[in-house]
Amino acid sequence: MVKLTDTTAFPAATSLQDDAAFYTVDDSTGTPVDKSIQIQHLVAHNRHFASIHVTGATASQSVSADTYTKLTAFTTNGLANGATAVYGSDKISTTKTGIYKVQYSLSVYTGTAATVHAAVYAGGSIQNTGGTSAGKIEAGFTQQIGGVAYIDVTTAATDIEIYMKSTHTAFIVAEGVLTIERVMNT
């Protein structure tokens, strides 16, 4: 058996650049081979995010007072890496498992006074890890509502969506954004 020499002093990496490299030894075939990976590729591999937006909408969203209904207002895909933004289906689909930070912000208008609730859904189920919010809207005014949730995505292809309910059966989401970001592998 050959004893490897201990490495005791690497030079200090006080400021890593995108082209900085980590060196490894890969012995998957039984013959050690030196390999390297640039930090920019290591970060990009684990960085999954996506967003969908709506701006200047005037179409009304019909909902129930007692049952959450999927928000169908999004009109544009935002930036995405490692996740799929699908504004036409009002969802973002994950491609990897992990812990995701989900954020949304909505400007909601109604001509009638109402209380509007919003919640994060993943895989068709409400997430009880935060992200549920409510706002009381005075007649003819706009109310900003939003939330943040951290969810554990255990199935790679999971749809993330916003569902809403209201004491009034219709309202307009004039502006809004839904974003997800994978913050940890599981």
N, C-alpha and C. Protein backbone atom coordinates (compact mmCIF):
# COMPACT_ATOMS: atom_id res chain seq x y z
N MET A 1 0.83 -1.16 0.00
CA MET A 1 0.00 0.00 0.00
C MET A 1 0.89 1.23 0.00
N VAL A 2 0.53 2.20 -0.85
CA VAL A 2 1.28 3.44 -0.96
C VAL A 2 0.57 4.50 -0.13
N LYS A 3 1.30 5.13 0.76
CA LYS A 3 0.73 6.19 1.57
C LYS A 3 0.87 7.50 0.82
N LEU A 4 -0.27 8.23 0.70
CA LEU A 4 -0.24 9.52 0.04
C LEU A 4 0.37 10.55 0.98
N THR A 5 1.13 11.44 0.42
CA THR A 5 1.73 12.52 1.21
C THR A 5 0.65 13.52 1.55
N ASP A 6 0.61 13.91 2.81
CA ASP A 6 -0.37 14.91 3.24
C ASP A 6 -0.02 16.26 2.66
N THR A 7 -1.03 16.95 2.23
CA THR A 7 -0.83 18.33 1.79
C THR A 7 -1.14 19.21 2.98
N THR A 8 -0.20 20.05 3.33
CA THR A 8 -0.39 20.84 4.54
C THR A 8 -0.58 22.31 4.29
N ALA A 9 -0.20 22.80 3.12
CA ALA A 9 -0.29 24.25 2.93
C ALA A 9 -0.67 24.59 1.49
N PHE A 10 -1.94 24.87 1.29
CA PHE A 10 -2.38 25.42 0.01
C PHE A 10 -2.24 26.93 0.10
N PRO A 11 -1.98 27.59 -1.00
CA PRO A 11 -1.97 29.05 -0.94
C PRO A 11 -3.37 29.56 -0.60
N ALA A 12 -3.45 30.64 0.10
CA ALA A 12 -4.74 31.21 0.50
C ALA A 12 -5.51 31.67 -0.72
N ALA A 13 -6.79 31.34 -0.74
CA ALA A 13 -7.68 31.78 -1.83
C ALA A 13 -8.52 32.93 -1.28
N THR A 14 -7.93 34.13 -1.28
CA THR A 14 -8.62 35.26 -0.68
C THR A 14 -9.73 35.81 -1.55
N SER A 15 -9.63 35.66 -2.85
CA SER A 15 -10.71 36.11 -3.73
C SER A 15 -10.74 35.22 -4.96
N LEU A 16 -11.69 34.31 -4.98
CA LEU A 16 -11.82 33.39 -6.11
C LEU A 16 -12.40 34.12 -7.31
N GLN A 17 -11.85 33.84 -8.46
CA GLN A 17 -12.35 34.38 -9.71
C GLN A 17 -13.15 33.28 -10.42
N ASP A 18 -13.95 33.66 -11.41
CA ASP A 18 -14.75 32.67 -12.12
C ASP A 18 -13.90 31.59 -12.78
N ASP A 19 -12.68 31.95 -13.18
CA ASP A 19 -11.85 30.95 -13.85
C ASP A 19 -10.93 30.20 -12.88
N ALA A 20 -11.07 30.47 -11.57
CA ALA A 20 -10.29 29.72 -10.58
C ALA A 20 -10.73 28.26 -10.65
N ALA A 21 -9.80 27.34 -10.37
CA ALA A 21 -10.10 25.93 -10.53
C ALA A 21 -9.87 25.16 -9.24
N PHE A 22 -10.69 24.15 -9.03
CA PHE A 22 -10.47 23.17 -7.98
C PHE A 22 -9.91 21.93 -8.67
N TYR A 23 -8.84 21.38 -8.12
CA TYR A 23 -8.25 20.18 -8.71
C TYR A 23 -8.64 18.96 -7.89
N THR A 24 -8.97 17.90 -8.58
CA THR A 24 -9.38 16.66 -7.93
C THR A 24 -8.66 15.50 -8.60
N VAL A 25 -8.73 14.36 -7.97
CA VAL A 25 -8.22 13.14 -8.57
C VAL A 25 -9.40 12.19 -8.74
N ASP A 26 -9.65 11.79 -9.97
CA ASP A 26 -10.75 10.89 -10.29
C ASP A 26 -10.18 9.49 -10.53
N ASP A 27 -10.66 8.53 -9.76
CA ASP A 27 -10.17 7.15 -9.89
C ASP A 27 -11.32 6.21 -10.23
N SER A 28 -12.28 6.69 -11.06
CA SER A 28 -13.46 5.88 -11.36
C SER A 28 -13.14 4.67 -12.22
N THR A 29 -12.03 4.68 -12.96
CA THR A 29 -11.68 3.55 -13.82
C THR A 29 -10.54 2.72 -13.25
N GLY A 30 -10.06 3.07 -12.06
CA GLY A 30 -8.97 2.33 -11.45
C GLY A 30 -7.61 2.94 -11.72
N THR A 31 -7.57 3.95 -12.58
CA THR A 31 -6.33 4.67 -12.86
C THR A 31 -6.56 6.14 -12.52
N PRO A 32 -5.84 6.63 -11.52
CA PRO A 32 -6.06 8.03 -11.12
C PRO A 32 -5.77 9.01 -12.26
N VAL A 33 -6.67 9.99 -12.43
CA VAL A 33 -6.52 11.02 -13.45
C VAL A 33 -6.76 12.36 -12.77
N ASP A 34 -5.85 13.31 -12.95
CA ASP A 34 -6.06 14.66 -12.43
C ASP A 34 -7.13 15.35 -13.25
N LYS A 35 -8.06 16.01 -12.57
CA LYS A 35 -9.13 16.76 -13.24
C LYS A 35 -9.29 18.07 -12.52
N SER A 36 -9.91 19.03 -13.19
CA SER A 36 -10.20 20.31 -12.55
C SER A 36 -11.59 20.78 -12.97
N ILE A 37 -12.15 21.65 -12.17
CA ILE A 37 -13.44 22.26 -12.50
C ILE A 37 -13.34 23.73 -12.12
N GLN A 38 -13.78 24.59 -13.03
CA GLN A 38 -13.76 26.02 -12.74
C GLN A 38 -14.91 26.35 -11.80
N ILE A 39 -14.68 27.29 -10.91
CA ILE A 39 -15.69 27.64 -9.91
C ILE A 39 -16.97 28.12 -10.57
N GLN A 40 -16.89 28.82 -11.70
CA GLN A 40 -18.11 29.29 -12.37
C GLN A 40 -18.99 28.12 -12.80
N HIS A 41 -18.39 26.99 -13.18
CA HIS A 41 -19.18 25.83 -13.58
C HIS A 41 -19.73 25.08 -12.37
N LEU A 42 -18.97 25.08 -11.28
CA LEU A 42 -19.45 24.45 -10.05
C LEU A 42 -20.67 25.19 -9.51
N VAL A 43 -20.63 26.51 -9.50
CA VAL A 43 -21.75 27.31 -9.02
C VAL A 43 -22.94 27.17 -9.95
N ALA A 44 -22.72 27.25 -11.27
CA ALA A 44 -23.82 27.15 -12.24
C ALA A 44 -24.51 25.80 -12.16
N HIS A 45 -23.77 24.75 -11.86
CA HIS A 45 -24.35 23.41 -11.77
C HIS A 45 -25.39 23.33 -10.66
N ASN A 46 -25.17 24.03 -9.58
CA ASN A 46 -26.08 23.97 -8.43
C ASN A 46 -27.07 25.12 -8.40
N ARG A 47 -26.94 26.07 -9.28
CA ARG A 47 -27.78 27.27 -9.25
C ARG A 47 -28.96 27.08 -10.20
N HIS A 48 -30.11 26.77 -9.65
CA HIS A 48 -31.32 26.60 -10.45
C HIS A 48 -32.30 27.69 -10.06
N PHE A 49 -32.83 28.40 -11.06
CA PHE A 49 -33.78 29.46 -10.79
C PHE A 49 -34.65 29.69 -12.01
N ALA A 50 -35.77 30.36 -11.80
CA ALA A 50 -36.65 30.75 -12.91
C ALA A 50 -37.68 31.74 -12.38
N SER A 51 -38.28 32.49 -13.31
CA SER A 51 -39.35 33.42 -12.92
C SER A 51 -40.35 33.57 -14.06
N ILE A 52 -41.57 33.94 -13.68
CA ILE A 52 -42.62 34.31 -14.62
C ILE A 52 -43.23 35.62 -14.12
N HIS A 53 -43.74 36.43 -15.06
CA HIS A 53 -44.20 37.77 -14.73
C HIS A 53 -45.53 38.10 -15.41
N VAL A 54 -46.16 39.15 -14.88
CA VAL A 54 -47.28 39.80 -15.54
C VAL A 54 -47.13 41.30 -15.30
N THR A 55 -47.36 42.09 -16.35
CA THR A 55 -47.23 43.54 -16.25
C THR A 55 -48.38 44.18 -17.01
N GLY A 56 -49.07 45.12 -16.37
CA GLY A 56 -50.12 45.88 -17.03
C GLY A 56 -51.35 45.09 -17.40
N ALA A 57 -51.67 44.05 -16.66
CA ALA A 57 -52.82 43.20 -16.99
C ALA A 57 -54.14 43.90 -16.66
N THR A 58 -55.15 43.58 -17.43
CA THR A 58 -56.50 44.11 -17.18
C THR A 58 -57.54 43.00 -17.14
N ALA A 59 -57.13 41.76 -17.41
CA ALA A 59 -58.07 40.64 -17.41
C ALA A 59 -58.41 40.23 -15.99
N SER A 60 -59.67 39.89 -15.79
CA SER A 60 -60.16 39.51 -14.47
C SER A 60 -59.88 38.04 -14.19
N GLN A 61 -59.54 37.75 -12.93
CA GLN A 61 -59.33 36.38 -12.46
C GLN A 61 -60.56 35.98 -11.65
N SER A 62 -61.19 34.89 -12.01
CA SER A 62 -62.36 34.40 -11.27
C SER A 62 -61.91 33.38 -10.24
N VAL A 63 -62.42 33.54 -9.02
CA VAL A 63 -62.04 32.66 -7.92
C VAL A 63 -63.24 32.36 -7.04
N SER A 64 -63.03 31.48 -6.10
CA SER A 64 -64.04 31.12 -5.12
C SER A 64 -63.66 31.73 -3.78
N ALA A 65 -64.62 31.92 -2.93
CA ALA A 65 -64.35 32.45 -1.59
C ALA A 65 -63.77 31.38 -0.68
N ASP A 66 -64.09 30.13 -0.94
CA ASP A 66 -63.72 29.06 -0.01
C ASP A 66 -62.64 28.12 -0.52
N THR A 67 -62.38 28.11 -1.82
CA THR A 67 -61.46 27.15 -2.40
C THR A 67 -60.36 27.89 -3.17
N TYR A 68 -59.12 27.52 -2.93
CA TYR A 68 -58.03 28.12 -3.70
C TYR A 68 -58.16 27.72 -5.17
N THR A 69 -57.93 28.71 -6.06
CA THR A 69 -57.98 28.54 -7.51
C THR A 69 -56.64 28.97 -8.08
N LYS A 70 -56.13 28.23 -9.05
CA LYS A 70 -54.84 28.55 -9.65
C LYS A 70 -54.86 29.92 -10.30
N LEU A 71 -53.85 30.73 -10.02
CA LEU A 71 -53.69 32.04 -10.64
C LEU A 71 -53.31 31.84 -12.11
N THR A 72 -54.07 32.48 -13.01
CA THR A 72 -53.81 32.33 -14.45
C THR A 72 -53.59 33.70 -15.08
N ALA A 73 -52.62 34.44 -14.57
CA ALA A 73 -52.41 35.81 -15.03
C ALA A 73 -51.06 36.05 -15.70
N PHE A 74 -50.12 35.13 -15.59
CA PHE A 74 -48.75 35.40 -16.04
C PHE A 74 -48.67 35.47 -17.56
N THR A 75 -47.82 36.39 -18.05
CA THR A 75 -47.75 36.65 -19.50
C THR A 75 -46.34 36.57 -20.08
N THR A 76 -45.32 36.44 -19.22
CA THR A 76 -43.95 36.49 -19.71
C THR A 76 -43.06 35.58 -18.87
N ASN A 77 -42.14 34.88 -19.54
CA ASN A 77 -41.10 34.13 -18.83
C ASN A 77 -39.95 35.08 -18.49
N GLY A 78 -39.38 34.88 -17.32
CA GLY A 78 -38.18 35.61 -16.95
C GLY A 78 -36.96 34.75 -17.23
N LEU A 79 -35.85 35.12 -16.63
CA LEU A 79 -34.63 34.34 -16.77
C LEU A 79 -34.80 32.97 -16.12
N ALA A 80 -34.08 31.99 -16.63
CA ALA A 80 -34.16 30.64 -16.06
C ALA A 80 -32.83 29.92 -16.27
N ASN A 81 -32.47 29.10 -15.30
CA ASN A 81 -31.31 28.22 -15.41
C ASN A 81 -31.60 26.98 -14.57
N GLY A 82 -31.68 25.84 -15.19
CA GLY A 82 -31.89 24.60 -14.45
C GLY A 82 -33.32 24.38 -13.98
N ALA A 83 -34.22 25.27 -14.32
CA ALA A 83 -35.65 25.13 -14.04
C ALA A 83 -36.38 25.68 -15.27
N THR A 84 -37.65 25.35 -15.43
CA THR A 84 -38.38 25.73 -16.64
C THR A 84 -39.51 26.68 -16.31
N ALA A 85 -39.42 27.91 -16.83
CA ALA A 85 -40.48 28.90 -16.68
C ALA A 85 -41.50 28.67 -17.79
N VAL A 86 -42.79 28.53 -17.42
CA VAL A 86 -43.84 28.24 -18.40
C VAL A 86 -45.01 29.19 -18.13
N TYR A 87 -44.88 30.45 -18.58
CA TYR A 87 -45.94 31.43 -18.29
C TYR A 87 -47.28 31.02 -18.89
N GLY A 88 -47.28 30.34 -20.04
CA GLY A 88 -48.52 29.92 -20.68
C GLY A 88 -49.34 28.96 -19.84
N SER A 89 -48.67 28.26 -18.91
CA SER A 89 -49.34 27.36 -17.97
C SER A 89 -49.28 27.90 -16.55
N ASP A 90 -48.79 29.14 -16.40
CA ASP A 90 -48.74 29.82 -15.10
C ASP A 90 -48.02 29.00 -14.04
N LYS A 91 -46.84 28.49 -14.41
CA LYS A 91 -46.10 27.65 -13.47
C LYS A 91 -44.61 27.72 -13.77
N ILE A 92 -43.83 27.27 -12.80
CA ILE A 92 -42.41 27.03 -12.99
C ILE A 92 -42.18 25.57 -12.62
N SER A 93 -41.48 24.84 -13.47
CA SER A 93 -41.21 23.42 -13.22
C SER A 93 -39.75 23.24 -12.81
N THR A 94 -39.55 22.54 -11.70
CA THR A 94 -38.20 22.22 -11.26
C THR A 94 -37.66 21.07 -12.10
N THR A 95 -36.34 20.95 -12.15
CA THR A 95 -35.72 19.83 -12.85
C THR A 95 -34.83 19.01 -11.92
N LYS A 96 -34.63 19.50 -10.71
CA LYS A 96 -33.80 18.80 -9.72
C LYS A 96 -34.50 18.84 -8.37
N THR A 97 -34.20 17.85 -7.55
CA THR A 97 -34.70 17.87 -6.18
C THR A 97 -33.87 18.86 -5.37
N GLY A 98 -34.39 19.24 -4.22
CA GLY A 98 -33.65 20.15 -3.34
C GLY A 98 -34.59 21.05 -2.58
N ILE A 99 -34.00 21.93 -1.80
CA ILE A 99 -34.77 22.95 -1.08
C ILE A 99 -34.82 24.17 -1.97
N TYR A 100 -36.03 24.67 -2.21
CA TYR A 100 -36.23 25.83 -3.07
C TYR A 100 -36.82 26.98 -2.27
N LYS A 101 -36.33 28.17 -2.58
CA LYS A 101 -36.94 29.40 -2.05
C LYS A 101 -37.92 29.87 -3.12
N VAL A 102 -39.18 30.02 -2.73
CA VAL A 102 -40.22 30.47 -3.64
C VAL A 102 -40.70 31.83 -3.17
N GLN A 103 -40.71 32.81 -4.07
CA GLN A 103 -41.17 34.15 -3.72
C GLN A 103 -42.21 34.61 -4.74
N TYR A 104 -43.18 35.37 -4.26
CA TYR A 104 -44.12 35.98 -5.19
C TYR A 104 -44.53 37.34 -4.66
N SER A 105 -44.88 38.21 -5.58
CA SER A 105 -45.38 39.54 -5.25
C SER A 105 -46.45 39.87 -6.28
N LEU A 106 -47.62 40.27 -5.81
CA LEU A 106 -48.77 40.51 -6.69
C LEU A 106 -49.44 41.84 -6.34
N SER A 107 -49.77 42.62 -7.35
CA SER A 107 -50.58 43.83 -7.17
C SER A 107 -51.99 43.47 -7.61
N VAL A 108 -52.91 43.44 -6.64
CA VAL A 108 -54.27 42.95 -6.88
C VAL A 108 -55.25 44.11 -6.79
N TYR A 109 -56.13 44.22 -7.79
CA TYR A 109 -57.14 45.28 -7.84
C TYR A 109 -58.53 44.66 -7.88
N THR A 110 -59.46 45.28 -7.19
CA THR A 110 -60.86 44.88 -7.29
C THR A 110 -61.74 46.12 -7.14
N GLY A 111 -62.85 46.12 -7.84
CA GLY A 111 -63.79 47.23 -7.75
C GLY A 111 -64.68 47.13 -6.52
N THR A 112 -64.66 46.00 -5.86
CA THR A 112 -65.47 45.76 -4.66
C THR A 112 -64.53 45.41 -3.50
N ALA A 113 -64.81 45.90 -2.32
CA ALA A 113 -63.99 45.57 -1.16
C ALA A 113 -63.92 44.05 -1.00
N ALA A 114 -62.73 43.54 -0.71
CA ALA A 114 -62.55 42.09 -0.61
C ALA A 114 -61.29 41.78 0.19
N THR A 115 -61.24 40.56 0.67
CA THR A 115 -60.01 40.02 1.24
C THR A 115 -59.52 38.94 0.28
N VAL A 116 -58.26 39.07 -0.14
CA VAL A 116 -57.68 38.15 -1.11
C VAL A 116 -56.58 37.36 -0.42
N HIS A 117 -56.58 36.05 -0.65
CA HIS A 117 -55.57 35.16 -0.09
C HIS A 117 -54.75 34.56 -1.24
N ALA A 118 -53.46 34.36 -1.00
CA ALA A 118 -52.59 33.70 -1.98
C ALA A 118 -51.75 32.67 -1.26
N ALA A 119 -51.39 31.59 -1.98
CA ALA A 119 -50.60 30.52 -1.38
C ALA A 119 -49.72 29.86 -2.43
N VAL A 120 -48.58 29.36 -1.99
CA VAL A 120 -47.67 28.61 -2.85
C VAL A 120 -48.14 27.16 -2.89
N TYR A 121 -48.24 26.63 -4.11
CA TYR A 121 -48.55 25.21 -4.32
C TYR A 121 -47.36 24.55 -5.02
N ALA A 122 -47.06 23.33 -4.63
CA ALA A 122 -46.01 22.54 -5.28
C ALA A 122 -46.57 21.16 -5.53
N GLY A 123 -46.49 20.71 -6.78
CA GLY A 123 -47.02 19.40 -7.12
C GLY A 123 -48.51 19.28 -6.86
N GLY A 124 -49.24 20.40 -6.95
CA GLY A 124 -50.69 20.40 -6.76
C GLY A 124 -51.15 20.49 -5.32
N SER A 125 -50.22 20.67 -4.37
CA SER A 125 -50.60 20.74 -2.94
C SER A 125 -50.12 22.04 -2.32
N ILE A 126 -50.95 22.59 -1.46
CA ILE A 126 -50.57 23.81 -0.74
C ILE A 126 -49.36 23.51 0.15
N GLN A 127 -48.47 24.47 0.21
CA GLN A 127 -47.26 24.33 1.02
C GLN A 127 -47.45 25.09 2.33
N ASN A 128 -47.34 24.38 3.42
CA ASN A 128 -47.56 24.98 4.73
C ASN A 128 -46.25 25.38 5.39
N THR A 129 -45.27 25.76 4.56
CA THR A 129 -43.96 26.17 5.07
C THR A 129 -43.76 27.66 4.87
N GLY A 130 -44.82 28.42 4.91
CA GLY A 130 -44.76 29.86 4.64
C GLY A 130 -45.28 30.11 3.25
N GLY A 131 -45.33 31.37 2.89
CA GLY A 131 -45.75 31.72 1.54
C GLY A 131 -47.23 31.97 1.39
N THR A 132 -48.01 31.80 2.48
CA THR A 132 -49.43 32.11 2.42
C THR A 132 -49.61 33.54 2.89
N SER A 133 -50.38 34.32 2.15
CA SER A 133 -50.58 35.71 2.54
C SER A 133 -52.01 36.13 2.25
N ALA A 134 -52.41 37.24 2.85
CA ALA A 134 -53.75 37.79 2.64
C ALA A 134 -53.66 39.30 2.65
N GLY A 135 -54.56 39.92 1.92
CA GLY A 135 -54.62 41.37 1.90
C GLY A 135 -56.06 41.83 1.78
N LYS A 136 -56.41 42.85 2.55
CA LYS A 136 -57.75 43.43 2.47
C LYS A 136 -57.69 44.58 1.48
N ILE A 137 -58.55 44.52 0.48
CA ILE A 137 -58.56 45.52 -0.59
C ILE A 137 -59.82 46.36 -0.47
N GLU A 138 -59.64 47.66 -0.42
CA GLU A 138 -60.78 48.57 -0.43
C GLU A 138 -61.28 48.71 -1.87
N ALA A 139 -62.56 48.96 -2.04
CA ALA A 139 -63.14 49.09 -3.37
C ALA A 139 -62.39 50.13 -4.20
N GLY A 140 -61.99 49.73 -5.39
CA GLY A 140 -61.33 50.64 -6.31
C GLY A 140 -59.85 50.86 -6.04
N PHE A 141 -59.27 50.11 -5.13
CA PHE A 141 -57.85 50.27 -4.80
C PHE A 141 -57.07 49.01 -5.16
N THR A 142 -55.76 49.16 -5.18
CA THR A 142 -54.85 48.04 -5.43
C THR A 142 -54.14 47.69 -4.14
N GLN A 143 -54.00 46.41 -3.87
CA GLN A 143 -53.31 45.93 -2.68
C GLN A 143 -52.14 45.06 -3.11
N GLN A 144 -51.00 45.28 -2.49
CA GLN A 144 -49.82 44.45 -2.76
C GLN A 144 -49.83 43.29 -1.77
N ILE A 145 -49.73 42.06 -2.28
CA ILE A 145 -49.59 40.89 -1.41
C ILE A 145 -48.44 40.04 -1.93
N GLY A 146 -47.80 39.36 -1.03
CA GLY A 146 -46.68 38.53 -1.44
C GLY A 146 -46.28 37.58 -0.35
N GLY A 147 -45.39 36.68 -0.69
CA GLY A 147 -44.95 35.71 0.29
C GLY A 147 -43.66 35.04 -0.11
N VAL A 148 -43.05 34.38 0.87
CA VAL A 148 -41.82 33.62 0.68
C VAL A 148 -42.01 32.27 1.35
N ALA A 149 -41.63 31.21 0.66
CA ALA A 149 -41.72 29.86 1.24
C ALA A 149 -40.45 29.09 0.87
N TYR A 150 -40.00 28.27 1.79
CA TYR A 150 -38.93 27.32 1.51
C TYR A 150 -39.59 25.95 1.44
N ILE A 151 -39.43 25.28 0.30
CA ILE A 151 -40.09 23.99 0.13
C ILE A 151 -39.08 22.92 -0.25
N ASP A 152 -39.34 21.71 0.19
CA ASP A 152 -38.49 20.56 -0.10
C ASP A 152 -39.08 19.83 -1.31
N VAL A 153 -38.44 19.97 -2.45
CA VAL A 153 -38.89 19.31 -3.67
C VAL A 153 -38.23 17.94 -3.72
N THR A 154 -39.04 16.90 -3.57
CA THR A 154 -38.51 15.53 -3.51
C THR A 154 -38.66 14.78 -4.83
N THR A 155 -39.38 15.36 -5.79
CA THR A 155 -39.52 14.80 -7.13
C THR A 155 -39.02 15.84 -8.11
N ALA A 156 -38.07 15.46 -8.98
CA ALA A 156 -37.39 16.43 -9.84
C ALA A 156 -38.35 17.32 -10.63
N ALA A 157 -39.32 16.75 -11.30
CA ALA A 157 -40.23 17.55 -12.14
C ALA A 157 -41.47 17.93 -11.33
N THR A 158 -41.34 18.99 -10.53
CA THR A 158 -42.44 19.45 -9.70
C THR A 158 -42.86 20.85 -10.16
N ASP A 159 -44.16 21.06 -10.34
CA ASP A 159 -44.68 22.36 -10.76
C ASP A 159 -44.91 23.23 -9.53
N ILE A 160 -44.41 24.48 -9.60
CA ILE A 160 -44.60 25.47 -8.55
C ILE A 160 -45.58 26.50 -9.11
N GLU A 161 -46.64 26.78 -8.34
CA GLU A 161 -47.72 27.66 -8.81
C GLU A 161 -48.23 28.51 -7.66
N ILE A 162 -48.98 29.57 -8.00
CA ILE A 162 -49.67 30.39 -7.00
C ILE A 162 -51.17 30.13 -7.15
N TYR A 163 -51.82 29.89 -6.03
CA TYR A 163 -53.27 29.74 -5.99
C TYR A 163 -53.84 30.87 -5.15
N MET A 164 -55.07 31.28 -5.47
CA MET A 164 -55.69 32.39 -4.75
C MET A 164 -57.16 32.11 -4.46
N LYS A 165 -57.67 32.79 -3.44
CA LYS A 165 -59.11 32.81 -3.16
C LYS A 165 -59.46 34.20 -2.65
N SER A 166 -60.74 34.56 -2.71
CA SER A 166 -61.14 35.92 -2.34
C SER A 166 -62.58 35.94 -1.87
N THR A 167 -62.89 36.92 -1.04
CA THR A 167 -64.29 37.10 -0.62
C THR A 167 -65.13 37.71 -1.73
N HIS A 168 -64.47 38.23 -2.76
CA HIS A 168 -65.15 38.69 -3.96
C HIS A 168 -64.74 37.74 -5.08
N THR A 169 -65.65 37.41 -5.99
CA THR A 169 -65.38 36.34 -6.96
C THR A 169 -64.49 36.74 -8.14
N ALA A 170 -64.10 37.99 -8.24
CA ALA A 170 -63.23 38.39 -9.36
C ALA A 170 -62.33 39.54 -8.94
N PHE A 171 -61.12 39.53 -9.46
CA PHE A 171 -60.17 40.61 -9.24
C PHE A 171 -59.17 40.60 -10.38
N ILE A 172 -58.32 41.60 -10.44
CA ILE A 172 -57.30 41.70 -11.49
C ILE A 172 -55.93 41.68 -10.82
N VAL A 173 -55.04 40.81 -11.30
CA VAL A 173 -53.64 40.85 -10.89
C VAL A 173 -52.93 41.68 -11.96
N ALA A 174 -52.77 42.97 -11.67
CA ALA A 174 -52.23 43.91 -12.66
C ALA A 174 -50.73 43.74 -12.86
N GLU A 175 -50.01 43.46 -11.79
CA GLU A 175 -48.57 43.27 -11.83
C GLU A 175 -48.25 42.06 -10.95
N GLY A 176 -47.25 41.30 -11.33
CA GLY A 176 -46.89 40.19 -10.46
C GLY A 176 -45.66 39.45 -10.94
N VAL A 177 -45.04 38.73 -10.01
CA VAL A 177 -43.88 37.91 -10.32
C VAL A 177 -43.88 36.70 -9.40
N LEU A 178 -43.48 35.57 -9.95
CA LEU A 178 -43.25 34.34 -9.20
C LEU A 178 -41.83 33.91 -9.53
N THR A 179 -41.00 33.70 -8.51
CA THR A 179 -39.62 33.26 -8.73
C THR A 179 -39.32 32.06 -7.84
N ILE A 180 -38.46 31.18 -8.34
CA ILE A 180 -37.96 30.09 -7.52
C ILE A 180 -36.44 30.06 -7.64
N GLU A 181 -35.81 29.58 -6.57
CA GLU A 181 -34.36 29.41 -6.58
C GLU A 181 -34.00 28.24 -5.70
N ARG A 182 -33.24 27.29 -6.25
CA ARG A 182 -32.79 26.16 -5.44
C ARG A 182 -31.65 26.64 -4.55
N VAL A 183 -31.83 26.48 -3.25
CA VAL A 183 -30.85 26.99 -2.30
C VAL A 183 -30.03 25.88 -1.65
N MET A 184 -30.46 24.61 -1.82
CA MET A 184 -29.72 23.50 -1.24
C MET A 184 -30.07 22.20 -1.94
N ASN A 185 -29.07 21.37 -2.16
CA ASN A 185 -29.30 20.02 -2.67
C ASN A 185 -29.81 19.15 -1.54
N THR A 186 -30.59 18.14 -1.87
CA THR A 186 -31.01 17.19 -0.85
C THR A 186 -30.69 15.78 -1.29
